[in-house]
Protein backbone atom coordinates (compact mmCIF):
# COMPACT_ATOMS: atom_id res chain seq x y z
CA MET A 1 -21.88 -4.27 -4.37
CA ASP A 2 -24.05 -1.28 -5.24
CA GLY A 3 -22.62 -0.02 -8.56
CA PRO A 4 -24.85 3.05 -8.97
CA GLY A 5 -24.20 3.99 -5.33
CA LEU A 6 -20.50 4.32 -6.11
CA ILE A 7 -21.05 7.23 -8.51
CA ARG A 8 -22.01 10.73 -7.36
CA ARG A 9 -23.52 13.09 -9.93
CA ASP A 10 -24.33 16.79 -9.90
CA GLU A 11 -27.69 18.37 -10.75
CA ALA A 12 -26.94 18.13 -14.48
CA GLY A 13 -26.23 14.41 -14.21
CA ARG A 14 -22.46 14.78 -14.68
CA VAL A 15 -20.23 12.47 -12.73
CA VAL A 16 -18.46 14.47 -10.01
CA ALA A 17 -17.03 11.64 -7.90
CA VAL A 18 -16.55 7.90 -7.94
CA ASN A 19 -15.90 5.97 -4.74
CA LEU A 20 -13.14 3.46 -5.48
CA ASP A 21 -12.45 2.73 -1.81
CA LEU A 22 -14.09 -0.67 -1.81
CA LYS A 23 -13.09 -3.17 0.81
CA ASN A 24 -13.05 -6.91 0.36
CA PRO A 25 -16.03 -8.10 2.43
CA ALA A 26 -14.43 -11.53 2.87
CA ALA A 27 -11.14 -10.11 4.19
CA LYS A 28 -10.37 -10.59 7.82
CA ALA A 29 -9.19 -7.63 9.87
CA ALA A 30 -5.44 -7.63 10.31
CA GLU A 31 -4.47 -7.49 13.94
CA ASP A 32 -0.96 -7.50 15.31
CA HIS A 33 -0.80 -9.05 18.75
CA ARG A 34 2.97 -8.92 19.09
CA ALA A 35 4.71 -6.98 21.81
CA PRO A 36 5.68 -3.42 20.80
CA ALA A 37 9.39 -4.27 21.03
CA GLU A 38 8.89 -7.21 18.67
CA ILE A 39 7.06 -5.00 16.16
CA VAL A 40 9.88 -2.45 16.24
CA THR A 41 12.53 -5.16 15.85
CA SER A 42 10.67 -6.61 12.88
CA ALA A 43 10.27 -3.18 11.26
CA LEU A 44 13.99 -2.50 11.67
CA ALA A 45 14.89 -5.85 10.11
CA LYS A 46 12.66 -5.13 7.11
CA GLU A 47 14.15 -1.66 6.78
CA ARG A 48 17.66 -3.18 6.75
CA GLU A 49 16.58 -5.53 3.95
CA VAL A 50 15.23 -2.59 1.95
CA LEU A 51 18.43 -0.61 2.49
CA ALA A 52 20.55 -3.57 1.36
CA LEU A 53 18.49 -3.86 -1.82
CA LEU A 54 18.82 -0.13 -2.45
CA GLU A 55 22.60 -0.39 -2.02
CA GLU A 56 22.68 -3.20 -4.60
CA LEU A 57 20.56 -1.14 -6.95
CA ARG A 58 22.81 1.88 -6.53
CA ALA A 59 25.88 -0.26 -7.30
CA LEU A 60 24.21 -1.48 -10.49
CA VAL A 61 23.29 2.05 -11.51
CA ASP A 62 26.82 3.28 -10.77
CA GLU A 63 28.22 0.54 -13.04
CA GLY A 64 26.18 1.94 -15.89
CA PRO A 65 25.20 0.05 -19.03
CA GLY A 66 27.22 -3.10 -19.38
């Protein structure tokens, strides 16, 4: 990792930008080889789980402090 290369300075030496978009060099690229219909079905299932959790959360909020 090149620390000094992550910082961009102006003519006066002031920091004007810092690149924090570092990638893990050991990470493997994520590839999804499923069929499009399977990806959509999976996304819908996850969305249903999220909605169920939100409904539970709303019920707790509606109950108020116990």
